[in-house]
């Protein structure tokens, strides 16, 4: 029974990392191909090439860096990858919550993504706890 639980946690963790990486990859590709399409989601116009290059760099380039890092960590240190996702999804949510307190209510897009990010952060925390607890110094992730 213990072996089955280990396999389930291991496969679920890898699946969550891949799901997160693919989600980030889709936004990254969209930002590189057409930065305005990313900003259309929140109704912001990019008025010049500096604005376009900034969105292309932050959502595209940084996003790709995160995706590549997650792919690498999936095979080298799965627990570290999950820990990183705790921070990533948690800080996305914290940023939206900060906006609520500093500037006021979010729109439909922001509220929907706050809920998604909170759920993803919760899943990441649960998986991180399970990985630390069940695979403290194991080579199962390699």
Protein backbone atom coordinates (compact mmCIF):
# COMPACT_ATOMS: atom_id res chain seq x y z
CA UNK A 1 0.00 0.00 0.00
CA UNK A 2 2.81 2.44 0.86
CA UNK A 3 4.37 1.84 -2.57
CA UNK A 4 1.09 2.75 -4.29
CA UNK A 5 0.85 6.00 -2.33
CA UNK A 6 4.43 6.87 -3.28
CA UNK A 7 3.67 6.23 -6.95
CA UNK A 8 0.47 8.28 -6.83
CA UNK A 9 2.23 11.25 -5.19
CA UNK A 10 5.14 10.97 -7.62
CA UNK A 11 2.92 10.82 -10.73
CA UNK A 12 0.56 13.52 -9.44
CA UNK A 13 3.52 15.80 -8.68
CA UNK A 14 5.00 15.32 -12.13
CA UNK A 15 1.57 15.87 -13.70
CA UNK A 16 1.09 19.09 -11.74
CA UNK A 17 4.51 20.37 -12.79
CA UNK A 18 3.82 19.55 -16.44
CA UNK A 19 0.35 21.14 -16.26
CA UNK A 20 1.82 24.31 -14.73
CA UNK A 21 4.65 24.41 -17.28
CA UNK A 22 2.25 23.98 -20.21
CA UNK A 23 -0.01 26.73 -18.82
CA UNK A 24 2.93 29.10 -18.55
CA UNK A 25 4.24 28.01 -21.96
CA UNK A 26 0.97 28.88 -23.67
CA UNK A 27 1.08 32.44 -22.32
CA UNK A 28 4.77 32.71 -23.19
CA UNK A 29 4.22 31.69 -26.78
CA UNK A 30 1.27 34.05 -27.07
CA UNK A 31 3.36 36.92 -25.65
CA UNK A 32 6.28 36.28 -27.98
CA UNK A 33 4.07 35.92 -31.06
CA UNK A 34 1.71 38.80 -30.27
CA UNK A 35 2.22 40.75 -27.03
CA UNK A 36 -0.94 42.76 -27.61
CA UNK A 37 -3.02 39.56 -27.46
CA UNK A 38 -1.88 39.01 -23.86
CA UNK A 39 -2.79 42.55 -22.87
CA UNK A 40 -6.14 42.33 -24.69
CA UNK A 41 -7.15 39.89 -21.93
CA UNK A 42 -7.14 42.80 -19.47
CA UNK A 43 -8.11 45.58 -21.89
CA UNK A 44 -4.75 47.36 -22.05
CA UNK A 45 -3.35 48.82 -25.27
CA UNK A 46 0.39 48.69 -25.88
CA UNK A 47 1.13 52.06 -27.51
CA UNK A 48 4.75 51.61 -28.65
CA UNK A 49 7.56 49.16 -29.33
CA UNK A 50 8.98 49.59 -25.82
CA UNK A 51 5.67 48.41 -24.36
CA UNK A 52 5.53 45.51 -26.83
CA UNK A 53 9.09 44.46 -26.03
CA UNK A 54 8.44 44.66 -22.27
CA UNK A 55 5.43 42.32 -22.44
CA UNK A 56 7.29 40.05 -24.86
CA UNK A 57 10.21 39.94 -22.40
CA UNK A 58 8.31 39.52 -19.13
CA UNK A 59 5.52 37.20 -20.21
CA UNK A 60 7.43 35.61 -23.09
CA UNK A 61 11.10 35.45 -22.17
CA UNK A 62 10.76 35.14 -18.41
CA UNK A 63 7.90 32.70 -18.85
CA UNK A 64 10.05 30.49 -21.11
CA UNK A 65 12.85 30.61 -18.53
CA UNK A 66 10.43 29.39 -15.88
CA UNK A 67 9.12 26.63 -18.16
CA UNK A 68 12.66 25.41 -18.96
CA UNK A 69 13.56 25.51 -15.26
CA UNK A 70 10.48 23.48 -14.35
CA UNK A 71 11.29 20.89 -17.03
CA UNK A 72 14.82 20.55 -15.70
CA UNK A 73 13.73 20.35 -12.06
CA UNK A 74 11.06 17.76 -12.84
CA UNK A 75 13.87 15.27 -13.46
CA UNK A 76 16.52 16.62 -11.08
CA UNK A 77 14.60 17.63 -7.96
CA UNK A 78 10.85 17.26 -8.13
CA UNK A 79 10.36 18.59 -4.60
CA UNK A 80 12.22 21.78 -5.51
CA UNK A 81 10.04 22.18 -8.61
CA UNK A 82 6.89 21.84 -6.50
CA UNK A 83 8.30 24.28 -3.93
CA UNK A 84 8.94 26.78 -6.70
CA UNK A 85 5.34 26.36 -7.89
CA UNK A 86 4.12 27.06 -4.33
CA UNK A 87 5.87 30.40 -4.55
CA UNK A 88 4.89 31.13 -8.15
CA UNK A 89 1.16 30.53 -7.76
CA UNK A 90 1.15 31.95 -4.23
CA UNK A 91 2.84 35.20 -5.22
CA UNK A 92 0.56 35.59 -8.24
CA UNK A 93 -2.38 35.34 -5.84
CA UNK A 94 -0.72 37.63 -3.29
CA UNK A 95 -0.18 40.23 -6.01
CA UNK A 96 -3.87 40.21 -6.88
CA UNK A 97 -4.85 40.40 -3.19
CA UNK A 98 -2.47 43.33 -2.75
CA UNK A 99 -4.17 45.05 -5.68
CA UNK A 100 -7.56 44.60 -4.01
CA UNK A 101 -6.29 46.28 -0.83
CA UNK A 102 -4.37 49.04 -2.58
CA UNK A 103 -6.54 49.87 -5.60
CA UNK A 104 -9.90 48.21 -5.07
CA UNK A 105 -11.97 45.37 -6.49
CA UNK A 106 -10.73 43.25 -9.33
CA UNK A 107 -12.72 42.72 -12.49
CA UNK A 108 -14.03 39.37 -13.71
CA UNK A 109 -10.65 38.38 -15.21
CA UNK A 110 -8.71 39.18 -12.03
CA UNK A 111 -11.22 37.45 -9.75
CA UNK A 112 -11.26 34.32 -11.91
CA UNK A 113 -7.46 34.14 -11.92
CA UNK A 114 -7.21 34.84 -8.20
CA UNK A 115 -9.39 31.79 -7.57
CA UNK A 116 -7.36 29.66 -10.00
CA UNK A 117 -4.05 30.78 -8.49
CA UNK A 118 -5.24 30.10 -4.95
CA UNK A 119 -6.31 26.57 -5.93
CA UNK A 120 -3.00 25.95 -7.76
CA UNK A 121 -1.08 27.26 -4.75
CA UNK A 122 -3.06 24.98 -2.44
CA UNK A 123 -2.38 21.97 -4.65
CA UNK A 124 1.31 22.88 -4.79
CA UNK A 125 1.51 23.22 -0.99
CA UNK A 126 -0.18 19.84 -0.50
CA UNK A 127 2.13 18.17 -3.01
CA UNK A 128 5.18 19.87 -1.53
CA UNK A 129 4.24 18.64 1.94
CA UNK A 130 3.67 15.12 0.59
CA UNK A 131 6.99 15.13 -1.29
CA UNK A 132 8.96 16.36 1.72
CA UNK A 133 7.21 13.89 4.00
CA UNK A 134 7.34 10.83 1.74
CA UNK A 135 10.60 11.38 -0.15
CA UNK A 136 12.88 13.09 2.36
CA UNK A 137 16.20 11.99 0.88
CA UNK A 138 15.22 9.57 -1.81
CA UNK A 139 16.40 9.28 -5.40
CA UNK A 140 12.86 8.53 -6.62
CA UNK A 141 12.73 11.80 -8.58
CA UNK A 142 15.85 11.19 -10.61
